[in-house]
Amino acid sequence: MSNNLVVLLGPTGVGKTDISIDLAVRFNSEIISADSRQFFREMKIGTAVPADHQLSAVQHHFIGFLSIHDYYSSNLFEKDVLDLLPRLFERNNIVLMSGGSGMYIDAVCKGIDDIPDVDQAIRKKYISMYREEGIEGLRVALKLSDPEYYSKVDLRNHKRIIRALEICETAGRPYSSFLKKQERKRDFKIIKIGLERTREELYQRINSRVDVMINAGLEEEARFLYEFRNLNALNSVGYREFFDFFDGNISRENAIELIKRNSRRYAKRQLTWWSKDKDIKWFNPKQMQEIINYITHSVISERSF
């Protein structure tokens, strides 16, 4: 039988964790996590890492396997997942990958170019530029180094600008030149399932989940990580807002409201990322039987590429 990678994706707060575990149990699969924030072992509460009983119910991969001090990228994730999949397919011809990090999901499904590893000194250089000159300094540098990518990138996202600049300097050529290759074919079938809810319901769930995180000790977790606040991993919703509170820039109540607002905005960006992907079949999480039927039909009716 052909091997099948079932990709369960959707915005933050939509309910991927419960559905992924139910599907993994139903199809006797292990779960590959494609949530890049859950890679870091020190960030459990703020990234909504599955509870211990959920992790013990199904074998998960790529959760808490890195330190916030470690370098990782979508390029490395692609290589690591492709190394792991043959072993998982030996046990079952259906493997589930679940998460909300669009770039990492695309790396596995479509492939990315062989982007060179970046020297830490170069990364620190552009992080320092951001601290000293702000995002405008990064924008100017990118426009000079790679005007093509400058015209496409979200100019509000300093992390993506820094990533492009460090690749430009490391490789000695524009970052955009690495993004022109054709999609790579995989030797397994890819079945993409998206979870969606009405905006009102999704935003309500996000707000409620932030309250749960606060009650679970998110503030204490952020305070423990405060000394490392300049690390790239910690430039994440839920942490940077509390860091601003610790610095005296905003009130605690304002920090919590900003976490909710920024989480909602992140969900919107995630949906925008997937909006043009016609391979995704969208379901409401309540349509569990329909999701199972769709996977079953896809596995039976079609074979590998």
C-alpha atoms as a PDB file:
ATOM      1  CA  MET A   1       0.000   0.000   0.000  1.00  0.00           C
ATOM      2  CA  SER A   2       1.101   3.584  -0.608  1.00  0.00           C
ATOM      3  CA  ASN A   3       2.374   5.705   2.269  1.00  0.00           C
ATOM      4  CA  ASN A   4       0.258   8.668   3.333  1.00  0.00           C
ATOM      5  CA  LEU A   5       1.150  11.781   5.304  1.00  0.00           C
ATOM      6  CA  VAL A   6      -2.023  13.303   6.729  1.00  0.00           C
ATOM      7  CA  VAL A   7      -1.406  16.966   7.507  1.00  0.00           C
ATOM      8  CA  LEU A   8      -3.786  18.500  10.032  1.00  0.00           C
ATOM      9  CA  LEU A   9      -3.422  22.269  10.055  1.00  0.00           C
ATOM     10  CA  GLY A  10      -5.302  25.311  11.249  1.00  0.00           C
ATOM     11  CA  PRO A  11      -4.981  28.550  13.198  1.00  0.00           C
ATOM     12  CA  THR A  12      -4.009  28.784  16.823  1.00  0.00           C
ATOM     13  CA  GLY A  13      -6.833  27.902  19.187  1.00  0.00           C
ATOM     14  CA  VAL A  14      -8.943  26.062  16.610  1.00  0.00           C
ATOM     15  CA  GLY A  15      -8.636  22.678  18.356  1.00  0.00           C
ATOM     16  CA  LYS A  16      -5.901  20.803  16.510  1.00  0.00           C
ATOM     17  CA  THR A  17      -4.517  18.986  19.562  1.00  0.00           C
ATOM     18  CA  ASP A  18      -7.669  17.055  20.472  1.00  0.00           C
ATOM     19  CA  ILE A  19      -8.502  16.219  16.856  1.00  0.00           C
ATOM     20  CA  SER A  20      -4.950  15.105  16.075  1.00  0.00           C
ATOM     21  CA  ILE A  21      -4.905  12.718  19.033  1.00  0.00           C
ATOM     22  CA  ASP A  22      -8.310  11.289  18.115  1.00  0.00           C
ATOM     23  CA  LEU A  23      -7.164  10.758  14.529  1.00  0.00           C
ATOM     24  CA  ALA A  24      -3.851   9.244  15.594  1.00  0.00           C
ATOM     25  CA  VAL A  25      -5.667   6.753  17.828  1.00  0.00           C
ATOM     26  CA  ARG A  26      -8.187   5.982  15.068  1.00  0.00           C
ATOM     27  CA  PHE A  27      -5.505   5.323  12.449  1.00  0.00           C
ATOM     28  CA  ASN A  28      -2.882   3.905  14.827  1.00  0.00           C
ATOM     29  CA  SER A  29      -0.456   6.674  13.911  1.00  0.00           C
ATOM     30  CA  GLU A  30       2.212   8.661  15.681  1.00  0.00           C
ATOM     31  CA  ILE A  31       2.147  12.468  15.513  1.00  0.00           C
ATOM     32  CA  ILE A  32       4.752  14.761  14.018  1.00  0.00           C
ATOM     33  CA  SER A  33       4.358  18.220  15.532  1.00  0.00           C
ATOM     34  CA  ALA A  34       4.653  21.110  13.074  1.00  0.00           C
ATOM     35  CA  ASP A  35       4.270  23.854  15.665  1.00  0.00           C
ATOM     36  CA  SER A  36       7.654  25.558  15.690  1.00  0.00           C
ATOM     37  CA  ARG A  37       7.073  27.213  19.070  1.00  0.00           C
ATOM     38  CA  GLN A  38       6.491  23.846  20.738  1.00  0.00           C
ATOM     39  CA  PHE A  39       9.965  22.696  19.693  1.00  0.00           C
ATOM     40  CA  PHE A  40      11.482  24.457  22.715  1.00  0.00           C
ATOM     41  CA  ARG A  41      11.350  22.591  26.008  1.00  0.00           C
ATOM     42  CA  GLU A  42      11.408  25.740  28.160  1.00  0.00           C
ATOM     43  CA  MET A  43       8.233  27.159  26.575  1.00  0.00           C
ATOM     44  CA  LYS A  44       5.401  24.874  27.637  1.00  0.00           C
ATOM     45  CA  ILE A  45       2.549  27.012  28.911  1.00  0.00           C
ATOM     46  CA  GLY A  46       2.800  29.853  26.404  1.00  0.00           C
ATOM     47  CA  THR A  47       2.889  27.478  23.437  1.00  0.00           C
ATOM     48  CA  ALA A  48       0.018  25.258  24.618  1.00  0.00           C
ATOM     49  CA  VAL A  49       2.083  22.080  24.622  1.00  0.00           C
ATOM     50  CA  PRO A  50      -0.249  19.057  24.912  1.00  0.00           C
ATOM     51  CA  ALA A  51      -0.867  17.891  28.456  1.00  0.00           C
ATOM     52  CA  ASP A  52       1.059  14.915  29.839  1.00  0.00           C
ATOM     53  CA  HIS A  53      -1.903  12.580  29.440  1.00  0.00           C
ATOM     54  CA  GLN A  54      -2.211  13.613  25.794  1.00  0.00           C
ATOM     55  CA  LEU A  55       1.469  13.094  25.125  1.00  0.00           C
ATOM     56  CA  SER A  56       1.304   9.664  26.739  1.00  0.00           C
ATOM     57  CA  ALA A  57      -1.775   8.651  24.740  1.00  0.00           C
ATOM     58  CA  VAL A  58       0.067   8.983  21.413  1.00  0.00           C
ATOM     59  CA  GLN A  59       3.759   9.113  20.555  1.00  0.00           C
ATOM     60  CA  HIS A  60       4.667  12.694  19.582  1.00  0.00           C
ATOM     61  CA  HIS A  61       7.763  13.854  17.725  1.00  0.00           C
ATOM     62  CA  PHE A  62       9.401  17.304  17.684  1.00  0.00           C
ATOM     63  CA  ILE A  63       7.902  18.559  20.941  1.00  0.00           C
ATOM     64  CA  GLY A  64      10.366  19.933  23.496  1.00  0.00           C
ATOM     65  CA  PHE A  65      13.379  18.519  21.668  1.00  0.00           C
ATOM     66  CA  LEU A  66      15.287  21.814  21.543  1.00  0.00           C
ATOM     67  CA  SER A  67      16.478  24.446  23.982  1.00  0.00           C
ATOM     68  CA  ILE A  68      15.673  28.106  23.404  1.00  0.00           C
ATOM     69  CA  HIS A  69      19.434  28.525  22.950  1.00  0.00           C
ATOM     70  CA  ASP A  70      19.522  26.144  19.969  1.00  0.00           C
ATOM     71  CA  TYR A  71      19.400  27.209  16.345  1.00  0.00           C
ATOM     72  CA  TYR A  72      16.732  25.562  14.199  1.00  0.00           C
ATOM     73  CA  SER A  73      15.014  26.321  10.901  1.00  0.00           C
ATOM     74  CA  SER A  74      12.402  25.085   8.453  1.00  0.00           C
ATOM     75  CA  ASN A  75      15.266  23.738   6.369  1.00  0.00           C
ATOM     76  CA  LEU A  76      16.481  21.531   9.218  1.00  0.00           C
ATOM     77  CA  PHE A  77      12.909  20.515  10.031  1.00  0.00           C
ATOM     78  CA  GLU A  78      12.386  19.309   6.461  1.00  0.00           C
ATOM     79  CA  LYS A  79      15.519  17.159   6.658  1.00  0.00           C
ATOM     80  CA  ASP A  80      14.667  15.770  10.100  1.00  0.00           C
ATOM     81  CA  VAL A  81      11.090  14.868   9.169  1.00  0.00           C
ATOM     82  CA  LEU A  82      12.124  13.231   5.902  1.00  0.00           C
ATOM     83  CA  ASP A  83      14.669  11.186   7.844  1.00  0.00           C
ATOM     84  CA  LEU A  84      12.016  10.108  10.357  1.00  0.00           C
ATOM     85  CA  LEU A  85       9.147   9.290   8.000  1.00  0.00           C
ATOM     86  CA  PRO A  86      10.558   6.046   6.516  1.00  0.00           C
ATOM     87  CA  ARG A  87      10.815   4.545   9.991  1.00  0.00           C
ATOM     88  CA  LEU A  88       7.253   5.578  10.823  1.00  0.00           C
ATOM     89  CA  PHE A  89       5.921   4.253   7.507  1.00  0.00           C
ATOM     90  CA  GLU A  90       7.474   0.879   8.301  1.00  0.00           C
ATOM     91  CA  ARG A  91       5.005   0.604  11.170  1.00  0.00           C
ATOM     92  CA  ASN A  92       1.980   2.178   9.470  1.00  0.00           C
ATOM     93  CA  ASN A  93       1.242   3.535   6.012  1.00  0.00           C
ATOM     94  CA  ILE A  94      -0.572   6.527   7.582  1.00  0.00           C
ATOM     95  CA  VAL A  95       1.369   9.128   9.563  1.00  0.00           C
ATOM     96  CA  LEU A  96      -0.159  12.289  11.000  1.00  0.00           C
ATOM     97  CA  MET A  97       1.559  15.673  11.047  1.00  0.00           C
ATOM     98  CA  SER A  98      -0.236  18.416  12.965  1.00  0.00           C
ATOM     99  CA  GLY A  99       0.515  22.067  13.584  1.00  0.00           C
ATOM    100  CA  GLY A 100       0.085  25.666  12.636  1.00  0.00           C
ATOM    101  CA  SER A 101       3.506  26.750  11.383  1.00  0.00           C
ATOM    102  CA  GLY A 102       2.866  27.210   7.687  1.00  0.00           C
ATOM    103  CA  MET A 103       6.492  27.571   6.648  1.00  0.00           C
ATOM    104  CA  TYR A 104       7.462  24.339   8.386  1.00  0.00           C
ATOM    105  CA  ILE A 105       4.505  22.447   6.933  1.00  0.00           C
ATOM    106  CA  ASP A 106       5.367  23.711   3.450  1.00  0.00           C
ATOM    107  CA  ALA A 107       8.978  22.639   3.938  1.00  0.00           C
ATOM    108  CA  VAL A 108       7.881  19.034   4.417  1.00  0.00           C
ATOM    109  CA  CYS A 109       5.127  19.020   1.803  1.00  0.00           C
ATOM    110  CA  LYS A 110       6.750  21.072  -0.948  1.00  0.00           C
ATOM    111  CA  GLY A 111      10.428  21.240  -0.103  1.00  0.00           C
ATOM    112  CA  ILE A 112      12.596  24.299   0.276  1.00  0.00           C
ATOM    113  CA  ASP A 113      15.912  25.190  -1.224  1.00  0.00           C
ATOM    114  CA  ASP A 114      19.188  24.136   0.307  1.00  0.00           C
ATOM    115  CA  ILE A 115      19.677  27.317   2.266  1.00  0.00           C
ATOM    116  CA  PRO A 116      23.100  27.451   3.940  1.00  0.00           C
ATOM    117  CA  ASP A 117      23.518  27.395   7.686  1.00  0.00           C
ATOM    118  CA  VAL A 118      24.069  30.843   9.135  1.00  0.00           C
ATOM    119  CA  ASP A 119      27.034  31.805  11.263  1.00  0.00           C
ATOM    120  CA  GLN A 120      25.878  32.935  14.702  1.00  0.00           C
ATOM    121  CA  ALA A 121      28.013  36.066  14.434  1.00  0.00           C
ATOM    122  CA  ILE A 122      26.028  37.153  11.376  1.00  0.00           C
ATOM    123  CA  ARG A 123      22.740  36.492  13.143  1.00  0.00           C
ATOM    124  CA  LYS A 124      23.848  38.519  16.159  1.00  0.00           C
ATOM    125  CA  LYS A 125      24.897  41.344  13.845  1.00  0.00           C
ATOM    126  CA  TYR A 126      21.388  41.787  12.472  1.00  0.00           C
ATOM    127  CA  ILE A 127      19.727  41.298  15.834  1.00  0.00           C
ATOM    128  CA  SER A 128      21.924  44.119  17.119  1.00  0.00           C
ATOM    129  CA  MET A 129      20.943  46.215  14.108  1.00  0.00           C
ATOM    130  CA  TYR A 130      17.288  45.702  14.994  1.00  0.00           C
ATOM    131  CA  ARG A 131      17.860  46.754  18.601  1.00  0.00           C
ATOM    132  CA  GLU A 132      19.853  49.831  17.651  1.00  0.00           C
ATOM    133  CA  GLU A 133      18.096  51.022  14.485  1.00  0.00           C
ATOM    134  CA  GLY A 134      14.693  49.408  14.732  1.00  0.00           C
ATOM    135  CA  ILE A 135      12.861  47.702  11.916  1.00  0.00           C
ATOM    136  CA  GLU A 136      13.457  50.632   9.569  1.00  0.00           C
ATOM    137  CA  GLY A 137      17.190  49.919   9.599  1.00  0.00           C
ATOM    138  CA  LEU A 138      16.503  46.312   8.642  1.00  0.00           C
ATOM    139  CA  ARG A 139      14.208  47.411   5.832  1.00  0.00           C
ATOM    140  CA  VAL A 140      16.845  49.682   4.332  1.00  0.00           C
ATOM    141  CA  ALA A 141      19.464  46.918   4.478  1.00  0.00           C
ATOM    142  CA  LEU A 142      17.106  44.416   2.854  1.00  0.00           C
ATOM    143  CA  LYS A 143      16.117  46.817   0.072  1.00  0.00           C
ATOM    144  CA  LEU A 144      19.786  47.182  -0.801  1.00  0.00           C
ATOM    145  CA  SER A 145      20.624  43.475  -0.492  1.00  0.00           C
ATOM    146  CA  ASP A 146      17.537  41.891  -2.038  1.00  0.00           C
ATOM    147  CA  PRO A 147      15.023  44.311  -3.606  1.00  0.00           C
ATOM    148  CA  GLU A 148      12.967  41.418  -5.001  1.00  0.00           C
ATOM    149  CA  TYR A 149      12.326  39.873  -1.599  1.00  0.00           C
ATOM    150  CA  TYR A 150      11.854  43.363  -0.135  1.00  0.00           C
ATOM    151  CA  SER A 151       8.876  43.823  -2.471  1.00  0.00           C
ATOM    152  CA  LYS A 152       7.221  40.626  -1.203  1.00  0.00           C
ATOM    153  CA  VAL A 153       8.043  40.223   2.486  1.00  0.00           C
ATOM    154  CA  ASP A 154       5.849  41.457   5.317  1.00  0.00           C
ATOM    155  CA  LEU A 155       7.835  44.575   6.202  1.00  0.00           C
ATOM    156  CA  ARG A 156       6.365  44.528   9.706  1.00  0.00           C
ATOM    157  CA  ASN A 157       7.913  41.136  10.468  1.00  0.00           C
ATOM    158  CA  HIS A 158      11.455  41.785  11.645  1.00  0.00           C
ATOM    159  CA  LYS A 159      12.211  38.068  12.065  1.00  0.00           C
ATOM    160  CA  ARG A 160      11.656  37.371   8.376  1.00  0.00           C
ATOM    161  CA  ILE A 161      13.698  40.399   7.380  1.00  0.00           C
ATOM    162  CA  ILE A 162      16.566  39.310   9.624  1.00  0.00           C
ATOM    163  CA  ARG A 163      16.372  35.802   8.183  1.00  0.00           C
ATOM    164  CA  ALA A 164      16.647  37.156   4.642  1.00  0.00           C
ATOM    165  CA  LEU A 165      19.547  39.455   5.519  1.00  0.00           C
ATOM    166  CA  GLU A 166      21.568  36.750   7.232  1.00  0.00           C
ATOM    167  CA  ILE A 167      21.090  34.401   4.272  1.00  0.00           C
ATOM    168  CA  CYS A 168      22.101  37.162   1.833  1.00  0.00           C
ATOM    169  CA  GLU A 169      25.332  37.738   3.724  1.00  0.00           C
ATOM    170  CA  THR A 170      26.082  34.061   4.329  1.00  0.00           C
ATOM    171  CA  ALA A 171      25.467  32.943   0.753  1.00  0.00           C
ATOM    172  CA  GLY A 172      26.730  36.045  -1.002  1.00  0.00           C
ATOM    173  CA  ARG A 173      23.591  36.228  -3.116  1.00  0.00           C
ATOM    174  CA  PRO A 174      19.981  37.369  -2.654  1.00  0.00           C
ATOM    175  CA  TYR A 175      17.711  35.328  -0.432  1.00  0.00           C
ATOM    176  CA  SER A 176      15.041  35.476  -3.158  1.00  0.00           C
ATOM    177  CA  SER A 177      17.308  33.417  -5.426  1.00  0.00           C
ATOM    178  CA  PHE A 178      16.757  30.439  -3.120  1.00  0.00           C
ATOM    179  CA  LEU A 179      12.984  30.595  -3.523  1.00  0.00           C
ATOM    180  CA  LYS A 180      12.597  29.908  -7.231  1.00  0.00           C
ATOM    181  CA  LYS A 181      12.862  26.128  -7.481  1.00  0.00           C
ATOM    182  CA  GLN A 182       9.914  23.966  -8.437  1.00  0.00           C
ATOM    183  CA  GLU A 183       7.974  22.076  -5.820  1.00  0.00           C
ATOM    184  CA  ARG A 184       9.643  18.809  -4.980  1.00  0.00           C
ATOM    185  CA  LYS A 185       7.757  15.569  -5.409  1.00  0.00           C
ATOM    186  CA  ARG A 186       7.580  13.253  -2.436  1.00  0.00           C
ATOM    187  CA  ASP A 187       7.447   9.467  -2.465  1.00  0.00           C
ATOM    188  CA  PHE A 188       4.386   9.541  -0.205  1.00  0.00           C
ATOM    189  CA  LYS A 189       0.894  10.904  -0.694  1.00  0.00           C
ATOM    190  CA  ILE A 190      -0.004  14.104   1.143  1.00  0.00           C
ATOM    191  CA  ILE A 191      -3.538  14.603   2.454  1.00  0.00           C
ATOM    192  CA  LYS A 192      -4.126  18.108   3.825  1.00  0.00           C
ATOM    193  CA  ILE A 193      -6.951  18.771   6.252  1.00  0.00           C
ATOM    194  CA  GLY A 194      -7.658  22.236   7.594  1.00  0.00           C
ATOM    195  CA  LEU A 195      -9.681  23.011  10.709  1.00  0.00           C
ATOM    196  CA  GLU A 196     -11.806  26.150  10.702  1.00  0.00           C
ATOM    197  CA  ARG A 197     -14.405  27.828  12.875  1.00  0.00           C
ATOM    198  CA  THR A 198     -16.396  31.016  12.549  1.00  0.00           C
ATOM    199  CA  ARG A 199     -14.305  34.058  13.391  1.00  0.00           C
ATOM    200  CA  GLU A 200     -16.446  34.804  16.444  1.00  0.00           C
ATOM    201  CA  GLU A 201     -16.043  31.278  17.793  1.00  0.00           C
ATOM    202  CA  LEU A 202     -12.311  31.155  17.036  1.00  0.00           C
ATOM    203  CA  TYR A 203     -11.625  34.485  18.710  1.00  0.00           C
ATOM    204  CA  GLN A 204     -13.650  33.473  21.749  1.00  0.00           C
ATOM    205  CA  ARG A 205     -11.649  30.252  22.033  1.00  0.00           C
ATOM    206  CA  ILE A 206      -8.382  32.181  21.717  1.00  0.00           C
ATOM    207  CA  ASN A 207      -9.392  34.610  24.467  1.00  0.00           C
ATOM    208  CA  SER A 208     -10.452  31.734  26.723  1.00  0.00           C
ATOM    209  CA  ARG A 209      -7.248  29.836  26.058  1.00  0.00           C
ATOM    210  CA  VAL A 210      -5.158  32.842  27.070  1.00  0.00           C
ATOM    211  CA  ASP A 211      -7.098  32.976  30.361  1.00  0.00           C
ATOM    212  CA  VAL A 212      -6.322  29.283  30.888  1.00  0.00           C
ATOM    213  CA  MET A 213      -2.628  29.946  30.231  1.00  0.00           C
ATOM    214  CA  ILE A 214      -2.607  32.789  32.742  1.00  0.00           C
ATOM    215  CA  ASN A 215      -4.188  30.567  35.374  1.00  0.00           C
ATOM    216  CA  ALA A 216      -1.696  27.811  34.543  1.00  0.00           C
ATOM    217  CA  GLY A 217       1.263  30.099  35.282  1.00  0.00           C
ATOM    218  CA  LEU A 218       2.209  31.824  32.028  1.00  0.00           C
ATOM    219  CA  GLU A 219       3.372  34.935  33.893  1.00  0.00           C
ATOM    220  CA  GLU A 220       5.698  32.872  36.074  1.00  0.00           C
ATOM    221  CA  GLU A 221       7.040  31.003  33.039  1.00  0.00           C
ATOM    222  CA  ALA A 222       7.712  34.297  31.266  1.00  0.00           C
ATOM    223  CA  ARG A 223       9.422  35.704  34.363  1.00  0.00           C
ATOM    224  CA  PHE A 224      11.682  32.637  34.522  1.00  0.00           C
ATOM    225  CA  LEU A 225      12.656  33.207  30.884  1.00  0.00           C
ATOM    226  CA  TYR A 226      12.967  36.992  31.157  1.00  0.00           C
ATOM    227  CA  GLU A 227      16.770  37.014  31.221  1.00  0.00           C
ATOM    228  CA  PHE A 228      16.754  35.304  27.819  1.00  0.00           C
ATOM    229  CA  ARG A 229      14.199  37.677  26.297  1.00  0.00           C
ATOM    230  CA  ASN A 230      16.522  38.673  23.442  1.00  0.00           C
ATOM    231  CA  LEU A 231      16.659  35.137  22.040  1.00  0.00           C
ATOM    232  CA  ASN A 232      14.738  34.651  18.818  1.00  0.00           C
ATOM    233  CA  ALA A 233      12.636  31.819  20.278  1.00  0.00           C
ATOM    234  CA  LEU A 234      11.201  34.153  22.903  1.00  0.00           C
ATOM    235  CA  ASN A 235      10.051  36.785  20.453  1.00  0.00           C
ATOM    236  CA  SER A 236       6.667  35.075  20.609  1.00  0.00           C
ATOM    237  CA  VAL A 237       3.143  36.023  21.558  1.00  0.00           C
ATOM    238  CA  GLY A 238       2.586  35.426  25.246  1.00  0.00           C
ATOM    239  CA  TYR A 239       6.155  36.158  26.235  1.00  0.00           C
ATOM    240  CA  ARG A 240       7.067  39.487  24.693  1.00  0.00           C
ATOM    241  CA  GLU A 241       3.931  41.123  26.138  1.00  0.00           C
ATOM    242  CA  PHE A 242       4.856  40.006  29.655  1.00  0.00           C
ATOM    243  CA  PHE A 243       8.433  41.146  29.059  1.00  0.00           C
ATOM    244  CA  ASP A 244       7.047  44.625  28.343  1.00  0.00           C
ATOM    245  CA  PHE A 245       5.103  44.411  31.608  1.00  0.00           C
ATOM    246  CA  PHE A 246       8.228  43.383  33.525  1.00  0.00           C
ATOM    247  CA  ASP A 247      10.072  46.330  31.971  1.00  0.00           C
ATOM    248  CA  GLY A 248       7.372  48.679  33.270  1.00  0.00           C
ATOM    249  CA  ASN A 249       6.174  49.696  29.819  1.00  0.00           C
ATOM    250  CA  ILE A 250       2.607  48.411  30.209  1.00  0.00           C
ATOM    251  CA  SER A 251       0.320  47.186  32.965  1.00  0.00           C
ATOM    252  CA  ARG A 252      -0.324  43.517  33.676  1.00  0.00           C
ATOM    253  CA  GLU A 253      -3.925  43.878  32.495  1.00  0.00           C
ATOM    254  CA  ASN A 254      -2.743  45.497  29.282  1.00  0.00           C
ATOM    255  CA  ALA A 255      -0.213  42.697  28.732  1.00  0.00           C
ATOM    256  CA  ILE A 256      -2.961  40.078  28.965  1.00  0.00           C
ATOM    257  CA  GLU A 257      -5.215  41.969  26.577  1.00  0.00           C
ATOM    258  CA  LEU A 258      -2.322  42.341  24.133  1.00  0.00           C
ATOM    259  CA  ILE A 259      -1.647  38.606  24.285  1.00  0.00           C
ATOM    260  CA  LYS A 260      -5.254  37.992  23.315  1.00  0.00           C
ATOM    261  CA  ARG A 261      -5.167  40.591  20.541  1.00  0.00           C
ATOM    262  CA  ASN A 262      -1.849  39.427  19.130  1.00  0.00           C
ATOM    263  CA  SER A 263      -2.962  35.792  19.259  1.00  0.00           C
ATOM    264  CA  ARG A 264      -6.045  36.706  17.223  1.00  0.00           C
ATOM    265  CA  ARG A 265      -3.863  38.560  14.735  1.00  0.00           C
ATOM    266  CA  TYR A 266      -1.544  35.570  14.498  1.00  0.00           C
ATOM    267  CA  ALA A 267      -4.509  33.326  13.725  1.00  0.00           C
ATOM    268  CA  LYS A 268      -5.530  35.688  10.941  1.00  0.00           C
ATOM    269  CA  ARG A 269      -2.022  35.585   9.439  1.00  0.00           C
ATOM    270  CA  GLN A 270      -2.047  31.798   9.564  1.00  0.00           C
ATOM    271  CA  LEU A 271      -5.302  31.656   7.636  1.00  0.00           C
ATOM    272  CA  THR A 272      -3.948  34.114   5.077  1.00  0.00           C
ATOM    273  CA  TRP A 273      -0.903  31.857   4.579  1.00  0.00           C
ATOM    274  CA  TRP A 274      -3.128  28.890   3.675  1.00  0.00           C
ATOM    275  CA  SER A 275      -5.785  30.791   1.745  1.00  0.00           C
ATOM    276  CA  LYS A 276      -4.247  30.047  -1.649  1.00  0.00           C
ATOM    277  CA  ASP A 277      -3.527  26.370  -1.038  1.00  0.00           C
ATOM    278  CA  LYS A 278      -6.216  24.525  -3.017  1.00  0.00           C
ATOM    279  CA  ASP A 279      -5.032  21.129  -1.743  1.00  0.00           C
ATOM    280  CA  ILE A 280      -6.474  21.780   1.715  1.00  0.00           C
ATOM    281  CA  LYS A 281      -9.883  20.280   2.529  1.00  0.00           C
ATOM    282  CA  TRP A 282     -11.481  22.355   5.283  1.00  0.00           C
ATOM    283  CA  PHE A 283     -13.671  20.992   8.086  1.00  0.00           C
ATOM    284  CA  ASN A 284     -15.198  22.224  11.300  1.00  0.00           C
ATOM    285  CA  PRO A 285     -13.630  20.278  14.212  1.00  0.00           C
ATOM    286  CA  LYS A 286     -17.127  19.003  15.045  1.00  0.00           C
ATOM    287  CA  GLN A 287     -17.153  17.085  11.745  1.00  0.00           C
ATOM    288  CA  MET A 288     -14.991  14.284  13.103  1.00  0.00           C
ATOM    289  CA  GLN A 289     -16.693  11.487  11.203  1.00  0.00           C
ATOM    290  CA  GLU A 290     -16.489  13.442   7.958  1.00  0.00           C
ATOM    291  CA  ILE A 291     -12.760  13.956   8.532  1.00  0.00           C
ATOM    292  CA  ILE A 292     -12.251  10.231   9.133  1.00  0.00           C
ATOM    293  CA  ASN A 293     -14.253   9.391   6.019  1.00  0.00           C
ATOM    294  CA  TYR A 294     -12.246  11.841   3.930  1.00  0.00           C
ATOM    295  CA  ILE A 295      -8.933  10.356   5.066  1.00  0.00           C
ATOM    296  CA  THR A 296     -10.148   6.809   4.532  1.00  0.00           C
ATOM    297  CA  HIS A 297     -11.471   7.580   1.058  1.00  0.00           C
ATOM    298  CA  SER A 298      -8.283   9.444   0.095  1.00  0.00           C
ATOM    299  CA  VAL A 299      -6.071   6.579   1.221  1.00  0.00           C
ATOM    300  CA  ILE A 300      -8.140   3.926  -0.556  1.00  0.00           C
ATOM    301  CA  SER A 301      -9.008   5.762  -3.772  1.00  0.00           C
ATOM    302  CA  GLU A 302      -5.588   7.172  -4.681  1.00  0.00           C
ATOM    303  CA  ARG A 303      -2.072   5.832  -4.657  1.00  0.00           C
ATOM    304  CA  SER A 304       1.294   7.493  -4.292  1.00  0.00           C
ATOM    305  CA  PHE A 305       2.639   9.963  -6.802  1.00  0.00           C
END
